[in-house]
Protein backbone atom coordinates (compact mmCIF):
# COMPACT_ATOMS: atom_id res chain seq x y z
CA MET A 1 -31.61 26.81 -92.25
CA LEU A 2 -31.16 29.64 -94.65
CA GLY A 3 -30.07 33.05 -93.31
CA ALA A 4 -32.45 36.00 -93.59
CA VAL A 5 -32.52 37.89 -96.90
CA VAL A 6 -31.00 41.38 -96.69
CA GLY A 7 -33.55 44.20 -97.33
CA LEU A 8 -33.99 45.03 -101.02
CA GLY A 9 -32.08 48.00 -102.38
CA CYS A 10 -33.12 49.96 -105.50
CA THR A 11 -31.96 49.29 -109.04
CA THR A 12 -32.17 51.50 -112.13
CA ALA A 13 -34.76 49.08 -113.58
CA LEU A 14 -37.17 49.58 -110.64
CA VAL A 15 -38.58 52.57 -108.74
CA ALA A 16 -35.90 55.05 -107.75
CA CYS A 17 -35.04 55.39 -104.10
CA SER A 18 -35.08 58.56 -102.15
CA GLU A 19 -31.88 59.76 -100.55
CA GLU A 20 -33.26 58.70 -97.14
CA GLU A 21 -33.91 55.13 -98.34
CA THR A 22 -30.45 54.93 -99.83
CA LYS A 23 -28.95 55.84 -96.42
CA LYS A 24 -30.93 53.07 -94.70
CA ALA A 25 -29.52 50.42 -97.00
CA SER A 26 -26.10 50.48 -95.30
CA PRO A 27 -23.99 47.30 -95.54
CA SER A 28 -23.63 44.89 -92.58
CA GLN A 29 -20.44 45.20 -90.55
CA ASP A 30 -19.90 41.45 -90.96
CA ALA A 31 -20.29 41.55 -94.74
CA GLY A 32 -17.56 41.14 -97.31
CA SER A 33 -16.05 44.08 -99.18
CA ASP A 34 -18.53 46.96 -99.63
CA SER A 35 -19.74 48.29 -102.96
CA SER A 36 -20.51 52.00 -103.35
CA ALA A 37 -23.08 51.44 -106.07
CA GLU A 38 -26.71 50.83 -105.33
CA GLY A 39 -28.31 47.48 -106.08
CA GLY A 40 -30.10 44.45 -104.68
CA GLY A 41 -28.78 43.22 -101.30
CA GLY A 42 -26.89 39.92 -101.23
CA VAL A 43 -28.45 36.81 -99.72
CA ALA A 44 -27.23 36.01 -96.18
CA GLY A 45 -24.88 33.04 -95.82
CA LEU A 46 -25.99 29.64 -94.65
CA GLY A 47 -25.70 28.99 -90.87
CA GLY A 48 -22.92 26.57 -89.81
CA ALA A 49 -23.94 23.00 -89.13
CA ALA A 50 -23.84 22.01 -85.46
CA GLY A 51 -20.81 20.00 -84.32
CA SER A 52 -21.36 16.35 -83.66
CA SER A 53 -21.69 15.23 -80.02
CA GLY A 54 -18.58 13.84 -78.36
CA SER A 55 -18.64 10.08 -77.90
CA ALA A 56 -18.19 8.57 -74.41
CA GLY A 57 -14.64 8.83 -73.11
CA THR A 58 -13.47 11.00 -76.05
CA ALA A 59 -13.12 14.72 -76.63
CA GLY A 60 -16.14 16.71 -77.78
CA GLY A 61 -17.09 16.78 -81.47
CA SER A 62 -15.48 19.25 -83.78
CA GLY A 63 -17.21 22.54 -84.52
CA GLY A 64 -19.55 22.81 -87.51
CA VAL A 65 -18.39 24.20 -90.82
CA ALA A 66 -18.68 27.97 -90.98
CA GLY A 67 -21.54 29.30 -93.14
CA LEU A 68 -20.96 30.71 -96.57
CA GLY A 69 -20.70 34.49 -96.87
CA GLY A 70 -23.58 36.28 -98.61
CA ALA A 71 -23.16 36.88 -102.30
CA ALA A 72 -22.85 40.50 -103.31
CA GLY A 73 -25.91 42.02 -104.98
CA SER A 74 -25.75 43.35 -108.49
CA SER A 75 -24.12 46.75 -108.14
CA GLY A 76 -25.22 46.82 -104.52
CA SER A 77 -24.07 46.14 -100.99
CA ALA A 78 -22.65 42.71 -100.12
CA GLY A 79 -24.93 40.35 -98.21
CA ALA A 80 -24.53 39.70 -94.50
CA ALA A 81 -21.70 37.43 -93.39
CA GLY A 82 -22.32 33.68 -93.32
CA GLY A 83 -23.43 32.00 -90.09
CA SER A 84 -20.73 31.08 -87.60
CA GLY A 85 -19.57 27.47 -87.30
CA GLY A 86 -21.59 25.17 -85.09
CA SER A 87 -20.39 24.71 -81.52
CA GLY A 88 -18.32 21.63 -80.71
CA GLY A 89 -20.06 18.56 -79.31
CA SER A 90 -20.01 18.16 -75.57
CA GLY A 91 -17.19 16.11 -74.08
CA GLY A 92 -17.55 12.38 -73.40
CA SER A 93 -18.13 10.99 -69.96
CA GLY A 94 -14.45 10.30 -69.31
CA GLY A 95 -14.65 6.57 -69.85
CA ALA A 96 -17.56 6.02 -67.41
CA LEU A 97 -19.17 2.60 -67.79
CA VAL A 98 -22.89 2.47 -66.98
CA CYS A 99 -24.43 -0.98 -66.48
CA GLU A 100 -28.09 -1.63 -65.61
CA PRO A 101 -29.79 -3.09 -63.68
CA ARG A 102 -27.53 -2.79 -60.65
CA PHE A 103 -27.80 -4.92 -57.54
CA ASP A 104 -28.96 -2.78 -54.62
CA PRO A 105 -27.47 -4.04 -51.32
CA GLY A 106 -29.79 -1.72 -49.40
CA ALA A 107 -32.96 -3.23 -50.82
CA ALA A 108 -35.19 -5.26 -48.52
CA GLY A 109 -34.12 -8.90 -48.46
CA ALA A 110 -31.04 -8.20 -50.58
CA ALA A 111 -28.49 -11.00 -50.65
CA GLY A 112 -25.84 -12.38 -52.96
CA THR A 113 -27.34 -13.12 -56.35
CA THR A 114 -26.85 -15.73 -59.05
CA ASP A 115 -29.38 -14.03 -61.31
CA GLY A 116 -27.60 -13.74 -64.64
CA GLY A 117 -28.82 -13.44 -68.20
CA PRO A 118 -30.20 -10.44 -70.08
CA ASN A 119 -32.71 -9.59 -67.31
CA GLY A 120 -30.33 -10.15 -64.40
CA TYR A 121 -28.06 -7.79 -62.54
CA LYS A 122 -24.95 -6.42 -64.23
CA TRP A 123 -21.44 -5.56 -63.04
CA ARG A 124 -18.80 -3.37 -64.62
CA ASP A 125 -15.80 -5.19 -66.04
CA TRP A 126 -13.32 -2.32 -65.84
CA ALA A 127 -10.48 -4.14 -67.61
CA ASN A 128 -12.55 -5.00 -70.68
CA GLN A 129 -14.94 -2.01 -70.48
CA VAL A 130 -18.07 -4.16 -70.81
CA CYS A 131 -21.16 -4.95 -68.73
CA ALA A 132 -21.14 -8.54 -67.48
CA ASP A 133 -23.89 -10.72 -65.99
CA CYS A 134 -23.89 -11.52 -62.28
CA VAL A 135 -23.32 -15.24 -61.75
CA GLY A 136 -22.70 -15.36 -57.99
CA THR A 137 -19.13 -16.66 -58.13
CA THR A 138 -16.98 -16.19 -55.03
CA LEU A 139 -13.35 -15.10 -55.30
CA GLU A 140 -10.24 -16.89 -54.05
CA CYS A 141 -6.55 -16.17 -53.75
CA ALA A 142 -5.81 -17.22 -57.35
CA ASP A 143 -8.11 -14.45 -58.61
CA PHE A 144 -5.58 -11.84 -57.51
CA ASP A 145 -2.66 -10.88 -59.75
CA GLU A 146 0.73 -11.92 -58.32
CA LEU A 147 2.59 -10.02 -61.04
CA THR A 148 1.23 -6.57 -60.16
CA SER A 149 0.44 -6.90 -56.42
CA TYR A 150 3.20 -5.57 -54.16
CA TYR A 151 4.20 -4.08 -50.81
CA GLU A 152 6.33 -0.96 -50.23
CA PRO A 153 8.03 -1.26 -46.80
CA ALA A 154 9.17 2.38 -46.67
CA THR A 155 5.57 3.66 -46.88
CA ARG A 156 3.86 0.54 -45.46
CA ARG A 157 1.61 0.65 -48.51
CA LEU A 158 0.04 -2.65 -49.58
CA THR A 159 -1.37 -2.91 -53.13
CA ILE A 160 -3.38 -5.94 -54.20
CA VAL A 161 -4.72 -6.21 -57.76
CA LEU A 162 -7.67 -8.31 -58.86
CA GLU A 163 -7.19 -10.22 -62.13
CA PRO A 164 -9.07 -8.73 -65.13
CA GLY A 165 -12.59 -9.97 -65.79
CA ARG A 166 -13.20 -11.47 -62.33
CA ALA A 167 -15.56 -9.06 -60.56
CA GLU A 168 -16.36 -5.44 -59.78
CA LEU A 169 -15.36 -4.87 -56.16
CA VAL A 170 -17.36 -2.34 -54.14
CA GLU A 171 -16.02 -3.04 -50.65
CA ALA A 172 -12.76 -4.51 -49.34
CA THR A 173 -11.30 -4.98 -45.87
CA LEU A 174 -7.88 -6.17 -44.74
CA ARG A 175 -8.90 -8.49 -41.90
CA GLU A 176 -5.69 -10.22 -40.87
CA LEU A 177 -1.93 -9.90 -41.39
CA ILE A 178 1.23 -11.19 -39.67
CA TRP A 179 4.56 -9.43 -40.04
CA ARG A 180 8.04 -10.67 -39.27
CA ASP A 181 11.20 -8.73 -38.52
CA VAL A 182 14.61 -9.85 -37.31
CA GLY A 183 14.08 -11.36 -33.86
CA THR A 184 10.46 -10.21 -33.57
CA SER A 185 7.02 -10.48 -35.15
CA GLY A 186 3.51 -9.19 -34.72
CA SER A 187 0.02 -9.15 -36.17
CA LEU A 188 -2.61 -6.70 -37.26
CA ASN A 189 -4.91 -5.93 -34.34
CA GLU A 190 -7.60 -4.13 -36.31
CA GLU A 191 -9.54 -4.44 -39.55
CA LEU A 192 -8.56 -1.84 -42.15
CA PRO A 193 -10.83 -0.68 -45.00
CA MET A 194 -9.09 -0.71 -48.38
CA GLN A 195 -9.41 1.90 -51.08
CA ILE A 196 -10.78 0.62 -54.38
CA ASN A 197 -9.81 2.01 -57.78
CA GLY A 198 -11.14 -0.29 -60.49
CA ASN A 199 -9.37 -3.62 -59.88
CA VAL A 200 -6.74 -2.15 -57.53
CA LEU A 201 -7.00 -2.35 -53.72
CA THR A 202 -4.67 -0.29 -51.53
CA VAL A 203 -4.18 0.21 -47.81
CA GLU A 204 -1.50 1.75 -45.59
CA LEU A 205 -0.50 -0.50 -42.72
CA PRO A 206 -0.30 1.02 -39.22
CA SER A 207 2.98 2.20 -37.72
CA THR A 208 3.08 -0.91 -35.53
CA VAL A 209 4.40 -2.70 -38.62
CA PRO A 210 8.13 -1.81 -38.73
CA THR A 211 9.56 -0.59 -42.02
CA SER A 212 12.42 -3.06 -41.42
CA ALA A 213 10.05 -6.05 -41.53
CA TYR A 214 11.15 -8.61 -44.12
CA ARG A 215 7.95 -10.64 -44.47
CA LEU A 216 4.16 -10.36 -44.46
CA ALA A 217 2.08 -13.50 -44.08
CA THR A 218 -1.50 -14.67 -43.65
CA ILE A 219 -2.86 -11.62 -45.45
CA ALA A 220 -6.63 -12.20 -45.24
CA LEU A 221 -9.15 -10.08 -47.17
CA VAL A 222 -12.92 -9.77 -47.12
CA VAL A 223 -14.32 -8.35 -50.37
CA THR A 224 -17.83 -7.71 -51.66
CA ASP A 225 -18.62 -7.38 -55.35
CA ALA A 226 -21.28 -5.43 -57.23
CA CYS A 227 -23.50 -8.52 -57.38
CA GLY A 228 -23.72 -8.69 -53.58
CA VAL A 229 -21.36 -11.67 -53.22
CA THR A 230 -18.93 -11.52 -50.28
CA SER A 231 -15.70 -13.54 -50.44
CA THR A 232 -13.19 -14.18 -47.66
CA ILE A 233 -9.65 -14.74 -48.90
CA ASP A 234 -8.00 -16.72 -46.12
CA GLY A 235 -8.05 -20.41 -47.05
CA ALA A 236 -4.99 -19.77 -49.21
CA PRO A 237 -3.95 -16.33 -47.97
CA LEU A 238 -1.63 -13.86 -49.61
CA ALA A 239 1.93 -13.33 -48.46
CA GLY A 240 5.08 -11.43 -49.44
CA ASP A 241 8.75 -11.03 -48.53
CA ASP A 242 11.84 -9.10 -49.50
CA GLY A 243 13.43 -12.14 -51.17
CA GLY A 244 16.45 -11.87 -48.91
CA ASP A 245 17.21 -8.29 -49.99
CA PRO A 246 16.60 -5.87 -47.07
CA THR A 247 17.12 -2.90 -49.43
CA ALA A 248 14.27 -3.94 -51.75
CA THR A 249 11.82 -1.04 -52.25
CA GLN A 250 8.97 -3.35 -53.30
CA TRP A 251 8.06 -6.95 -52.51
CA PRO A 252 5.87 -9.15 -54.67
CA ILE A 253 2.64 -10.38 -53.08
CA TYR A 254 1.65 -13.93 -53.93
CA CYS A 255 -0.66 -16.76 -52.87
CA GLU A 256 0.69 -18.74 -49.94
CA TRP A 257 -0.43 -22.30 -50.66
C-alpha cells in the first residue's frame, strides 16, 4: 500500500509559513539528500512487497523488493525513505512428506488393511517422495536390497535396506541370527529392536557375536508397515559372509535361498 504523505510545507504561491511552522517541517532522517529551500514535502516511497513463502523442503522465499524512495518536493524537503523490503518467506519443512489418512494401529479393532484407493489409508514412499495407497502386501526377502545391505564386523553393526517403493516401515525387530567363527558358532538369544531411517534398518549385535566371525546366517526379521501389515522374513532368510577375506571391513547381506 502507499506510504503516508509527508506533511505539507509552504510555497511562495500559498500562505506564508511562520518561522515556527518552518522549523516543524524538518526532513526525515531516512530521506534522501536534504534541500534547504522550503516547498511541498515529497511523497513517501512504496512499501516493499512481502517475500514469497518457502516451498516444502527448500529455503525460504527471497525478501521483497525494497520500496522506492520518496520524490523530493518542489524546492522543499525530500520525502520519507521508501518502505523496507519484505521479509523472506519462511523455510520449507525440510523434505517432510505428509500423507493422509494414516492407519492408526492404536484404534479399536485395528488390523492390517487392504483398503486402497483415494479414500483408503496412505503410506509414505520415501524413495519417490509420494503418498501411496495401502494394498496390504506382505514383504519377503527379495524386497530387501542386496546391493546396499551390509554388515561391519568391527562394530557389529548390521544394516538392512528395503528396496525403494515397497513399504513405509514403522517397526522392525531382529528376531533370529546365527553366527559362525573358526571352530565355534552361536545364535542370538534375544530379540533386538532395529532403528528405522526411511528405508534403512540398523542394529548393533551384542558382544556375544565375536568380531572375528566370518559368517551370519538365518537372519530373521519381523517388520510392520504404516498400513498395519506385519511381515516375518524367515522363509528365505538373509545371510552374509566375509567372502573368504577375514580382513574385509564390510560384508554384503543377501537372501539365502
